[in-house]
Amino acid sequence: MEILRRGSKGRHVGSTCYNEMSSRSHSVFSMLIESKAVKNGIVNVKTRRFHFIDLAGSERTKQSNG
């Protein structure tokens, strides 16, 4: 969670008539989770990847007077 907080602090935001804190930058957080299990001397490894993507706000500034 701390890594997400640090990344979020670096994002650019601005205000529009519709949204006080509109995001002005895209953000991608990728996570790799790995689990290992040993059974009868055999190591079984499973991996999963998760990608959380936040695309920047798309308010049209001409329409929102922003």
C-alpha atoms as a PDB file:
ATOM      1  CA  MET A   1       0.000   0.000   0.000  1.00  0.00           C
ATOM      2  CA  GLU A   2       2.901   2.348   0.705  1.00  0.00           C
ATOM      3  CA  ILE A   3       4.158   1.944  -2.865  1.00  0.00           C
ATOM      4  CA  LEU A   4       0.700   2.864  -4.182  1.00  0.00           C
ATOM      5  CA  ARG A   5       0.614   5.947  -1.928  1.00  0.00           C
ATOM      6  CA  ARG A   6       4.036   7.118  -3.126  1.00  0.00           C
ATOM      7  CA  GLY A   7       3.065   6.661  -6.767  1.00  0.00           C
ATOM      8  CA  SER A   8      -0.210   8.486  -6.256  1.00  0.00           C
ATOM      9  CA  LYS A   9       1.566  11.516  -4.758  1.00  0.00           C
ATOM     10  CA  GLY A  10       3.505  11.984  -8.000  1.00  0.00           C
ATOM     11  CA  ARG A  11       0.409  12.252 -10.204  1.00  0.00           C
ATOM     12  CA  HIS A  12      -0.684  15.539 -11.709  1.00  0.00           C
ATOM     13  CA  VAL A  13      -4.187  16.774 -10.912  1.00  0.00           C
ATOM     14  CA  GLY A  14      -6.180  19.868 -11.832  1.00  0.00           C
ATOM     15  CA  SER A  15      -9.653  21.194 -11.228  1.00  0.00           C
ATOM     16  CA  THR A  16     -12.555  21.557 -13.629  1.00  0.00           C
ATOM     17  CA  CYS A  17     -16.135  22.655 -13.084  1.00  0.00           C
ATOM     18  CA  TYR A  18     -17.108  18.992 -12.843  1.00  0.00           C
ATOM     19  CA  ASN A  19     -14.273  17.623 -10.753  1.00  0.00           C
ATOM     20  CA  GLU A  20     -12.164  19.425  -8.164  1.00  0.00           C
ATOM     21  CA  MET A  21      -9.309  16.880  -8.309  1.00  0.00           C
ATOM     22  CA  SER A  22      -9.299  15.615 -11.901  1.00  0.00           C
ATOM     23  CA  SER A  23      -6.378  13.354 -12.766  1.00  0.00           C
ATOM     24  CA  ARG A  24      -4.082  14.682 -15.492  1.00  0.00           C
ATOM     25  CA  SER A  25      -1.769  11.685 -15.753  1.00  0.00           C
ATOM     26  CA  HIS A  26      -2.245   7.999 -16.445  1.00  0.00           C
ATOM     27  CA  SER A  27      -1.131   5.483 -13.865  1.00  0.00           C
ATOM     28  CA  VAL A  28      -0.222   1.799 -14.137  1.00  0.00           C
ATOM     29  CA  PHE A  29       0.493  -0.432 -11.141  1.00  0.00           C
ATOM     30  CA  SER A  30       1.646  -3.966 -11.931  1.00  0.00           C
ATOM     31  CA  MET A  31       1.999  -6.668  -9.335  1.00  0.00           C
ATOM     32  CA  LEU A  32       3.512 -10.143  -9.609  1.00  0.00           C
ATOM     33  CA  ILE A  33       2.407 -12.661  -6.966  1.00  0.00           C
ATOM     34  CA  GLU A  34       4.294 -15.916  -6.646  1.00  0.00           C
ATOM     35  CA  SER A  35       3.543 -18.923  -4.463  1.00  0.00           C
ATOM     36  CA  LYS A  36       5.710 -21.982  -3.936  1.00  0.00           C
ATOM     37  CA  ALA A  37       4.668 -25.331  -2.525  1.00  0.00           C
ATOM     38  CA  VAL A  38       6.795 -28.408  -1.990  1.00  0.00           C
ATOM     39  CA  LYS A  39       5.101 -31.793  -2.076  1.00  0.00           C
ATOM     40  CA  ASN A  40       7.004 -35.079  -2.169  1.00  0.00           C
ATOM     41  CA  GLY A  41      10.203 -33.207  -2.984  1.00  0.00           C
ATOM     42  CA  ILE A  42       8.653 -31.488  -6.018  1.00  0.00           C
ATOM     43  CA  VAL A  43       8.515 -27.682  -6.027  1.00  0.00           C
ATOM     44  CA  ASN A  44       5.351 -26.261  -7.559  1.00  0.00           C
ATOM     45  CA  VAL A  45       5.496 -22.565  -8.431  1.00  0.00           C
ATOM     46  CA  LYS A  46       2.434 -20.528  -9.403  1.00  0.00           C
ATOM     47  CA  THR A  47       2.583 -16.929 -10.575  1.00  0.00           C
ATOM     48  CA  ARG A  48      -0.124 -14.375 -11.259  1.00  0.00           C
ATOM     49  CA  ARG A  49       0.128 -10.870 -12.658  1.00  0.00           C
ATOM     50  CA  PHE A  50      -2.294  -8.082 -11.852  1.00  0.00           C
ATOM     51  CA  HIS A  51      -2.347  -4.735 -13.636  1.00  0.00           C
ATOM     52  CA  PHE A  52      -4.318  -1.821 -12.207  1.00  0.00           C
ATOM     53  CA  ILE A  53      -4.676   0.975 -14.753  1.00  0.00           C
ATOM     54  CA  ASP A  54      -6.147   4.419 -14.137  1.00  0.00           C
ATOM     55  CA  LEU A  55      -6.552   6.486 -17.294  1.00  0.00           C
ATOM     56  CA  ALA A  56      -6.388  10.232 -16.757  1.00  0.00           C
ATOM     57  CA  GLY A  57      -9.595  12.286 -16.627  1.00  0.00           C
ATOM     58  CA  SER A  58     -11.157  13.074 -19.971  1.00  0.00           C
ATOM     59  CA  GLU A  59     -13.277  16.121 -19.181  1.00  0.00           C
ATOM     60  CA  ARG A  60     -13.434  18.428 -22.149  1.00  0.00           C
ATOM     61  CA  THR A  61     -12.121  21.749 -20.846  1.00  0.00           C
ATOM     62  CA  LYS A  62     -14.146  23.799 -23.351  1.00  0.00           C
ATOM     63  CA  GLN A  63     -17.356  22.211 -22.096  1.00  0.00           C
ATOM     64  CA  SER A  64     -16.411  22.405 -18.402  1.00  0.00           C
ATOM     65  CA  ASN A  65     -14.929  25.920 -18.395  1.00  0.00           C
ATOM     66  CA  GLY A  66     -11.770  24.380 -16.945  1.00  0.00           C
END
